[in-house]
Amino acid sequence: MRDQYDVIVIGGGPAGVTASGLLSKWGRSVLLLEKEKFPRYHIGESLVTGMMPVIEELGAAQILEELGAIRKYAISLIWGSHPDPWTVRFDEVSPFPYAYQVKRAEFDSLLLAHTRRLGTTVIEEANVREALFEGDRCTGVRYSRSDDVIDVHAPFIIDASGQAKLMARRFDAVGWHSDLKNLAAWTYFQGGSRYDGQEAGNILVENRPPGWLWLIPFSDNTCSVGFVAPSKDFTASGLKPAAVLYQSIDESREVKRLLTGAVEVSQVRTAKDWSYTCERMSGPGFIQAGDAAAFIDPLFSTGVMLAMRSASAAARAANDILDEPDSEASIRQSYEDGYRSFLDVVISFVRFFYDPSKEVWDYFERARELVDPTEQLKAREDFIVLISGLVAMHPIMDYVPAAPVAVPPSG
């Protein structure tokens, strides 16, 4: 069995398939190791348009259309000092008028199959035990499959291991955002009602102190409904997470209305949505992408976008490092600097937005301060650019150094 590749990618989620697919398209020999057998369940079902450039770069746009997923043209919110719902549409500013609401088991499986077609060698049920080092340089990984333990090697490794955070745990480099230690509880319903016309695919985000509710509609007449709040508030309630979820739905305004007549068709699931940014995102011979590098609060559904945009930049960095080994340190540093700058913007805005007492216009103005201080767009458009991930189309999401992004202090 072959034991040498140009690049080894750890993880078969959106970050892993993006990095492996692009590198395979560029003629590199790539091995992708995924610990599970696809299809497998995963949360993170609402996509934003900032990922669409990567989908097109991968040549996967038609695959998404064939999936039959409902199109997501807009985001509807009940948030701010006034109780009325408000909506922003991607096509107000985006060259991509819609994203999708997807079942991740289907979505991720299609992308994994696509990276195989692009030439990536994909091994599922391959549990990566550790990274292999010669001195301080990563030179490969050791994985197990069935009863076999196998070593494989490559000049460069991309860690897209998700929240397993293989490299970050090895170097004790996970930097937690202590003010964003949340818990999510969610389930699935069938039936109920949807918005009319193109808005039928809107995600609904409704503030419900001490947290917020989401409702994500799917094309098969089911929907995902979840509640996110600080972990300490779940504990202080004295209730099980499922009971907190049901109580929040019952006390809601719009989510409860849309669920009228719906039937719960799944058990309640829970997950810790604890945000973090790794204190190092690369090292000699490796680079981290997606959740292996950072996880940001799910308020704006940026998870898949961040995974795919960061993996696209990581693939470019890896490709250039293979061509110019002597420039590796500067290329990796540029990747880290650019990604951190973008993450700082997103985290700063999430923290500001978590105050639900402000006027809607305040949220628009804050977005302008963060991404458009020269006021090239309307403040409302800046808000859409930020929450849709279109700001990631700015050079800061590439590993090439760009002008610094100003992040004014919160408050």
Protein backbone atom coordinates (compact mmCIF):
# COMPACT_ATOMS: atom_id res chain seq x y z
CA MET A 1 0.00 0.00 0.00
CA ARG A 2 1.24 3.46 -0.87
CA ASP A 3 2.72 5.34 2.11
CA GLN A 4 3.96 8.59 0.55
CA TYR A 5 1.86 11.52 -0.74
CA ASP A 6 2.34 15.21 -1.47
CA VAL A 7 -0.26 16.18 1.13
CA ILE A 8 -2.17 14.30 3.83
CA VAL A 9 -5.49 15.80 4.94
CA ILE A 10 -6.97 14.76 8.28
CA GLY A 11 -10.79 14.88 8.26
CA GLY A 12 -13.47 14.52 5.59
CA GLY A 13 -15.81 17.36 6.54
CA PRO A 14 -16.21 20.56 4.47
CA ALA A 15 -12.71 21.81 5.34
CA GLY A 16 -11.03 18.51 4.51
CA VAL A 17 -12.80 17.98 1.19
CA THR A 18 -12.14 21.58 0.17
CA ALA A 19 -8.41 21.35 0.83
CA SER A 20 -8.04 17.89 -0.69
CA GLY A 21 -10.24 18.63 -3.69
CA LEU A 22 -8.40 21.80 -4.66
CA LEU A 23 -4.96 20.26 -4.22
CA SER A 24 -6.01 17.25 -6.30
CA LYS A 25 -7.29 19.59 -9.03
CA TRP A 26 -3.87 21.24 -9.03
CA GLY A 27 -2.15 17.91 -9.65
CA ARG A 28 -0.98 17.01 -6.14
CA SER A 29 -1.21 13.48 -4.77
CA VAL A 30 -3.49 13.73 -1.73
CA LEU A 31 -4.58 11.26 0.94
CA LEU A 32 -7.66 12.12 3.03
CA LEU A 33 -8.24 10.18 6.25
CA GLU A 34 -11.75 10.27 7.77
CA LYS A 35 -12.49 8.52 11.06
CA GLU A 36 -16.16 7.83 10.33
CA LYS A 37 -18.07 6.04 7.60
CA PHE A 38 -20.15 8.43 5.49
CA PRO A 39 -22.96 9.32 5.46
CA ARG A 40 -22.83 10.42 9.07
CA TYR A 41 -24.94 12.90 11.03
CA HIS A 42 -23.65 16.42 11.65
CA ILE A 43 -25.17 19.68 12.82
CA GLY A 44 -24.51 22.98 10.99
CA GLU A 45 -27.20 22.80 8.34
CA SER A 46 -27.76 26.43 7.37
CA LEU A 47 -25.27 27.73 4.80
CA VAL A 48 -24.35 31.28 3.81
CA THR A 49 -23.33 32.70 0.46
CA GLY A 50 -19.72 33.33 1.48
CA MET A 51 -19.01 29.65 0.78
CA MET A 52 -20.35 29.75 -2.77
CA PRO A 53 -17.09 30.93 -4.41
CA VAL A 54 -15.37 27.84 -3.00
CA ILE A 55 -18.20 25.58 -4.17
CA GLU A 56 -17.70 26.98 -7.68
CA GLU A 57 -13.92 26.64 -7.44
CA LEU A 58 -14.38 22.97 -6.55
CA GLY A 59 -16.74 22.51 -9.48
CA ALA A 60 -19.47 21.34 -7.11
CA ALA A 61 -22.26 23.85 -7.81
CA GLN A 62 -24.26 21.43 -9.95
CA ILE A 63 -23.96 18.78 -7.26
CA LEU A 64 -25.67 21.08 -4.78
CA GLU A 65 -28.46 21.81 -7.21
CA GLU A 66 -29.01 18.10 -7.77
CA LEU A 67 -29.19 17.56 -4.00
CA GLY A 68 -32.60 19.23 -4.09
CA ALA A 69 -31.87 21.35 -1.02
CA ILE A 70 -34.12 24.32 -0.37
CA ARG A 71 -32.60 27.64 -1.39
CA LYS A 72 -31.87 30.15 1.37
CA TYR A 73 -32.33 33.66 -0.02
CA ALA A 74 -32.58 35.53 3.26
CA ILE A 75 -32.32 35.58 7.03
CA SER A 76 -35.30 36.55 9.20
CA LEU A 77 -34.71 37.77 12.74
CA ILE A 78 -36.62 38.77 15.83
CA TRP A 79 -33.81 40.66 17.50
CA GLY A 80 -33.29 44.14 18.87
CA SER A 81 -35.33 46.56 20.94
CA HIS A 82 -38.44 46.28 18.76
CA PRO A 83 -40.35 42.96 18.67
CA ASP A 84 -41.25 42.97 14.96
CA PRO A 85 -39.52 40.45 12.65
CA TRP A 86 -37.08 41.86 10.09
CA THR A 87 -35.37 40.28 7.10
CA VAL A 88 -32.21 40.85 5.07
CA ARG A 89 -31.68 39.25 1.65
CA PHE A 90 -28.36 38.13 0.23
CA ASP A 91 -29.14 39.63 -3.19
CA GLU A 92 -29.23 43.13 -1.72
CA VAL A 93 -25.45 43.10 -2.07
CA SER A 94 -24.21 39.60 -2.94
CA PRO A 95 -23.28 38.31 -6.40
CA PHE A 96 -24.64 35.01 -5.05
CA PRO A 97 -28.37 35.48 -4.38
CA TYR A 98 -28.84 32.35 -2.32
CA ALA A 99 -27.18 29.58 -0.34
CA TYR A 100 -28.89 26.40 0.89
CA GLN A 101 -30.42 24.67 3.90
CA VAL A 102 -28.95 21.15 3.85
CA LYS A 103 -29.00 17.87 5.69
CA ARG A 104 -25.32 17.59 6.44
CA ALA A 105 -25.21 13.80 6.08
CA GLU A 106 -26.22 14.23 2.42
CA PHE A 107 -24.21 17.40 1.79
CA ASP A 108 -20.97 16.11 3.29
CA SER A 109 -21.28 12.73 1.54
CA LEU A 110 -21.68 14.40 -1.84
CA LEU A 111 -18.62 16.57 -1.27
CA LEU A 112 -16.57 13.58 -0.11
CA ALA A 113 -17.53 11.67 -3.26
CA HIS A 114 -16.64 14.75 -5.32
CA THR A 115 -13.12 14.99 -3.90
CA ARG A 116 -12.67 11.31 -4.82
CA ARG A 117 -13.64 12.15 -8.40
CA LEU A 118 -11.09 14.94 -8.37
CA GLY A 119 -8.39 12.38 -7.60
CA THR A 120 -8.07 12.36 -3.81
CA THR A 121 -7.44 8.98 -2.18
CA VAL A 122 -10.10 8.83 0.56
CA ILE A 123 -9.95 6.27 3.37
CA GLU A 124 -12.93 6.18 5.70
CA GLU A 125 -13.01 4.63 9.17
CA ALA A 126 -9.38 5.65 9.52
CA ASN A 127 -8.74 6.89 13.05
CA VAL A 128 -5.71 9.20 13.10
CA ARG A 129 -3.94 8.44 16.37
CA GLU A 130 -1.13 10.93 16.18
CA ALA A 131 0.95 13.13 13.97
CA LEU A 132 4.48 11.94 13.26
CA PHE A 133 7.41 14.32 13.73
CA GLU A 134 11.08 14.39 12.90
CA GLY A 135 12.41 17.00 15.27
CA ASP A 136 9.90 19.85 15.22
CA ARG A 137 8.68 19.06 11.69
CA CYS A 138 5.50 17.09 11.00
CA THR A 139 6.26 14.41 8.42
CA GLY A 140 3.19 12.18 8.49
CA VAL A 141 0.47 10.59 10.59
CA ARG A 142 -0.24 7.26 12.23
CA TYR A 143 -3.76 5.90 11.84
CA SER A 144 -5.61 2.72 12.69
CA ARG A 145 -8.17 0.87 10.61
CA SER A 146 -9.67 -2.36 11.88
CA ASP A 147 -6.72 -4.06 13.60
CA ASP A 148 -4.07 -2.41 11.47
CA VAL A 149 -1.86 0.50 12.51
CA ILE A 150 -0.44 2.33 9.51
CA ASP A 151 2.10 5.13 9.08
CA VAL A 152 1.87 7.42 6.05
CA HIS A 153 4.11 10.33 5.14
CA ALA A 154 3.97 13.59 3.19
CA PRO A 155 5.94 16.83 2.93
CA PHE A 156 2.86 18.66 4.22
CA ILE A 157 -0.13 17.87 6.44
CA ILE A 158 -3.45 19.75 6.65
CA ASP A 159 -5.30 19.26 9.92
CA ALA A 160 -9.03 19.49 9.17
CA SER A 161 -9.96 17.20 12.06
CA GLY A 162 -12.78 19.46 13.21
CA GLN A 163 -13.41 19.83 16.91
CA ALA A 164 -11.09 16.89 17.57
CA LYS A 165 -8.39 19.58 17.06
CA LEU A 166 -5.57 17.07 16.60
CA MET A 167 -2.66 19.52 16.35
CA ALA A 168 -4.07 22.10 18.77
CA ARG A 169 -4.48 19.43 21.47
CA ARG A 170 -0.97 18.13 20.86
CA PHE A 171 0.45 21.60 21.48
CA ASP A 172 -2.11 22.64 24.13
CA ALA A 173 -2.95 25.61 21.90
CA VAL A 174 -6.74 25.94 22.22
CA GLY A 175 -7.66 29.48 23.29
CA TRP A 176 -11.22 29.46 24.62
CA HIS A 177 -13.49 32.51 24.43
CA SER A 178 -14.78 32.37 28.00
CA ASP A 179 -17.73 34.71 27.34
CA LEU A 180 -19.10 32.44 24.61
CA LYS A 181 -19.46 29.16 26.50
CA ASN A 182 -22.86 28.14 25.22
CA LEU A 183 -24.89 24.96 24.99
CA ALA A 184 -27.23 24.06 22.13
CA ALA A 185 -30.24 21.73 22.35
CA TRP A 186 -32.16 20.90 19.17
CA THR A 187 -34.61 18.53 17.55
CA TYR A 188 -36.56 18.08 14.29
CA PHE A 189 -40.21 18.62 13.42
CA GLN A 190 -42.29 17.70 10.39
CA GLY A 191 -45.13 19.90 9.17
CA GLY A 192 -46.08 23.31 10.47
CA SER A 193 -45.93 26.34 8.20
CA ARG A 194 -43.29 28.27 6.26
CA TYR A 195 -42.93 31.78 4.93
CA ASP A 196 -44.30 32.52 1.47
CA GLY A 197 -42.48 32.45 -1.87
CA GLN A 198 -38.71 32.75 -1.86
CA GLU A 199 -38.77 33.35 1.89
CA ALA A 200 -39.86 29.73 2.45
CA GLY A 201 -36.19 28.84 2.81
CA ASN A 202 -35.31 31.57 5.32
CA ILE A 203 -33.63 30.65 8.54
CA LEU A 204 -35.43 32.26 11.47
CA VAL A 205 -33.38 33.48 14.44
CA GLU A 206 -35.50 34.60 17.40
CA ASN A 207 -34.13 36.12 20.57
CA ARG A 208 -35.42 34.25 23.63
CA PRO A 209 -33.58 35.36 26.80
CA PRO A 210 -31.23 34.08 28.07
CA GLY A 211 -30.49 32.79 24.56
CA TRP A 212 -31.96 32.43 21.10
CA LEU A 213 -33.90 29.98 18.95
CA TRP A 214 -33.29 28.88 15.39
CA LEU A 215 -35.67 27.31 12.88
CA ILE A 216 -34.16 25.90 9.68
CA PRO A 217 -36.59 24.59 7.04
CA PHE A 218 -35.70 21.70 4.71
CA SER A 219 -37.09 20.66 1.35
CA ASP A 220 -38.70 17.48 2.76
CA ASN A 221 -41.16 19.44 4.97
CA THR A 222 -39.07 18.93 8.10
CA CYS A 223 -37.24 21.62 10.04
CA SER A 224 -34.47 21.84 12.60
CA VAL A 225 -35.33 23.80 15.75
CA GLY A 226 -32.78 24.58 18.42
CA PHE A 227 -32.06 26.77 21.42
CA VAL A 228 -28.65 28.24 22.28
CA ALA A 229 -27.85 29.82 25.64
CA PRO A 230 -24.95 30.08 28.09
CA SER A 231 -24.19 26.69 29.60
CA LYS A 232 -24.55 28.17 33.08
CA ASP A 233 -28.13 29.20 32.34
CA PHE A 234 -29.06 25.68 31.27
CA THR A 235 -27.61 24.46 34.58
CA ALA A 236 -29.28 27.19 36.64
CA SER A 237 -32.70 26.32 35.22
CA GLY A 238 -32.63 22.98 36.99
CA LEU A 239 -34.20 21.42 33.88
CA LYS A 240 -32.90 18.92 31.38
CA PRO A 241 -31.80 20.53 28.09
CA ALA A 242 -34.83 19.07 26.29
CA ALA A 243 -37.18 20.72 28.75
CA VAL A 244 -35.37 24.06 28.32
CA LEU A 245 -35.78 23.74 24.55
CA TYR A 246 -39.50 22.96 24.75
CA GLN A 247 -40.08 25.80 27.21
CA SER A 248 -38.26 28.26 24.97
CA ILE A 249 -40.35 27.18 21.97
CA ASP A 250 -43.55 27.52 23.97
CA GLU A 251 -42.60 31.04 25.11
CA SER A 252 -41.49 32.15 21.64
CA ARG A 253 -43.46 34.24 19.22
CA GLU A 254 -42.58 33.29 15.66
CA VAL A 255 -41.04 29.85 16.12
CA LYS A 256 -44.11 28.67 18.01
CA ARG A 257 -46.38 30.06 15.29
CA LEU A 258 -44.46 28.31 12.50
CA LEU A 259 -44.56 25.02 14.41
CA THR A 260 -48.33 25.03 14.84
CA GLY A 261 -49.53 21.58 13.78
CA ALA A 262 -45.99 20.20 13.46
CA VAL A 263 -44.96 16.83 14.91
CA GLU A 264 -41.59 16.21 16.56
CA VAL A 265 -39.84 13.42 14.64
CA SER A 266 -36.50 13.12 16.44
CA GLN A 267 -34.99 12.95 19.87
CA VAL A 268 -33.42 16.08 21.31
CA ARG A 269 -29.67 16.38 20.77
CA THR A 270 -27.21 18.60 22.62
CA ALA A 271 -23.75 19.99 21.98
CA LYS A 272 -21.41 22.47 23.60
CA ASP A 273 -20.99 25.46 21.30
CA TRP A 274 -17.88 26.74 23.08
CA SER A 275 -16.04 29.19 20.85
CA TYR A 276 -12.28 29.08 20.55
CA THR A 277 -9.39 30.28 18.41
CA CYS A 278 -6.22 28.22 18.43
CA GLU A 279 -3.16 30.09 19.61
CA ARG A 280 -1.19 28.53 16.77
CA MET A 281 -2.69 27.43 13.45
CA SER A 282 0.37 25.97 11.82
CA GLY A 283 3.87 24.68 12.36
CA PRO A 284 6.70 23.20 10.32
CA GLY A 285 5.07 20.77 7.92
CA PHE A 286 1.43 21.40 8.84
CA ILE A 287 -1.42 23.87 8.83
CA GLN A 288 -4.88 23.84 10.48
CA ALA A 289 -8.18 24.72 8.82
CA GLY A 290 -11.86 24.82 9.74
CA ASP A 291 -12.83 23.86 13.28
CA ALA A 292 -9.33 22.47 13.80
CA ALA A 293 -8.20 26.11 13.83
CA ALA A 294 -11.21 27.93 15.30
CA PHE A 295 -14.89 27.59 16.10
CA ILE A 296 -17.07 30.68 16.24
CA ASP A 297 -20.51 30.91 17.86
CA PRO A 298 -23.20 29.57 15.45
CA LEU A 299 -25.39 32.69 15.65
CA PHE A 300 -24.86 33.61 11.98
CA SER A 301 -24.43 30.10 10.53
CA THR A 302 -20.85 30.79 9.50
CA GLY A 303 -19.39 27.36 10.37
CA VAL A 304 -19.32 25.72 6.93
CA MET A 305 -18.31 28.98 5.26
CA LEU A 306 -15.38 29.42 7.66
CA ALA A 307 -14.35 25.81 7.13
CA MET A 308 -14.37 26.03 3.34
CA ARG A 309 -12.84 29.52 3.04
CA SER A 310 -10.03 28.72 5.48
CA ALA A 311 -9.38 25.37 3.79
CA SER A 312 -9.20 27.07 0.39
CA ALA A 313 -6.55 29.41 1.76
CA ALA A 314 -4.77 26.52 3.49
CA ALA A 315 -4.68 24.55 0.23
CA ARG A 316 -3.09 27.51 -1.55
CA ALA A 317 -0.54 27.86 1.22
CA ALA A 318 0.30 24.15 1.06
CA ASN A 319 0.57 24.23 -2.73
CA ASP A 320 2.96 27.18 -2.65
CA ILE A 321 5.00 25.64 0.16
CA LEU A 322 5.50 22.51 -1.92
CA ASP A 323 6.75 24.71 -4.77
CA GLU A 324 8.85 27.00 -2.54
CA PRO A 325 9.94 25.09 0.59
CA ASP A 326 12.28 27.89 1.67
CA SER A 327 9.31 30.26 1.95
CA GLU A 328 7.26 28.00 4.21
CA ALA A 329 7.55 30.02 7.41
CA SER A 330 6.46 33.29 5.80
CA ILE A 331 3.58 31.62 3.90
CA ARG A 332 2.27 29.95 7.03
CA GLN A 333 2.54 33.19 8.99
CA SER A 334 0.63 35.09 6.33
CA TYR A 335 -2.12 32.45 6.43
CA GLU A 336 -2.40 32.73 10.20
CA ASP A 337 -2.35 36.54 10.22
CA GLY A 338 -5.05 36.79 7.58
CA TYR A 339 -7.32 34.21 9.17
CA ARG A 340 -6.98 35.72 12.64
CA SER A 341 -7.84 39.17 11.29
CA PHE A 342 -11.05 37.83 9.80
CA LEU A 343 -11.95 35.83 12.91
CA ASP A 344 -11.42 38.92 15.07
CA VAL A 345 -14.01 40.76 13.01
CA VAL A 346 -16.57 37.97 13.28
CA ILE A 347 -16.07 37.46 17.02
CA SER A 348 -16.24 41.18 17.72
CA PHE A 349 -19.54 41.43 15.87
CA VAL A 350 -21.04 38.35 17.54
CA ARG A 351 -20.26 39.83 20.94
CA PHE A 352 -21.87 43.13 19.97
CA PHE A 353 -24.93 41.44 18.48
CA TYR A 354 -25.54 39.34 21.59
CA ASP A 355 -26.90 42.47 23.24
CA PRO A 356 -30.55 42.24 22.07
CA SER A 357 -31.53 45.61 23.51
CA LYS A 358 -30.15 47.75 20.67
CA GLU A 359 -31.92 49.28 17.70
CA VAL A 360 -31.58 47.33 14.47
CA TRP A 361 -29.72 50.26 12.97
CA ASP A 362 -27.07 49.93 15.70
CA TYR A 363 -26.20 46.46 14.42
CA PHE A 364 -25.89 47.80 10.88
CA GLU A 365 -23.61 50.61 12.02
CA ARG A 366 -21.41 48.25 14.00
CA ALA A 367 -20.98 46.09 10.91
CA ARG A 368 -19.92 49.19 8.97
CA GLU A 369 -17.32 50.07 11.61
CA LEU A 370 -15.82 46.60 11.32
CA VAL A 371 -15.77 45.96 7.59
CA ASP A 372 -16.36 49.25 5.79
CA PRO A 373 -14.95 52.26 7.67
CA THR A 374 -14.70 54.25 4.42
CA GLU A 375 -18.47 53.77 3.91
CA GLN A 376 -18.36 52.33 0.39
CA LEU A 377 -21.66 50.54 1.06
CA LYS A 378 -24.80 51.31 2.98
CA ALA A 379 -24.66 50.20 6.62
CA ARG A 380 -27.42 47.65 5.99
CA GLU A 381 -25.36 46.20 3.13
CA ASP A 382 -22.31 46.00 5.38
CA PHE A 383 -24.38 43.96 7.82
CA ILE A 384 -25.32 41.52 5.06
CA VAL A 385 -21.72 41.33 3.83
CA LEU A 386 -20.53 40.45 7.32
CA ILE A 387 -23.12 37.86 8.36
CA SER A 388 -23.12 36.13 4.98
CA GLY A 389 -19.37 35.69 4.99
CA LEU A 390 -18.90 37.81 1.89
CA VAL A 391 -16.33 39.80 3.82
CA ALA A 392 -14.26 36.63 3.44
CA MET A 393 -13.94 37.52 -0.25
CA HIS A 394 -11.68 40.35 0.96
CA PRO A 395 -7.97 39.46 0.66
CA ILE A 396 -7.76 38.91 4.44
CA MET A 397 -9.07 35.38 3.84
CA ASP A 398 -6.16 34.62 1.54
CA TYR A 399 -2.77 33.81 3.01
CA VAL A 400 -1.23 36.77 1.13
CA PRO A 401 -0.83 39.70 3.55
CA ALA A 402 -3.48 42.39 3.24
CA ALA A 403 -4.17 45.73 4.84
CA PRO A 404 -4.99 45.34 8.54
CA VAL A 405 -8.66 45.20 9.47
CA ALA A 406 -9.56 47.65 12.20
CA VAL A 407 -11.45 46.08 15.11
CA PRO A 408 -12.76 48.88 17.37
CA PRO A 409 -13.20 47.95 21.03
CA SER A 410 -16.57 46.51 22.04
CA GLY A 411 -19.17 48.61 23.75
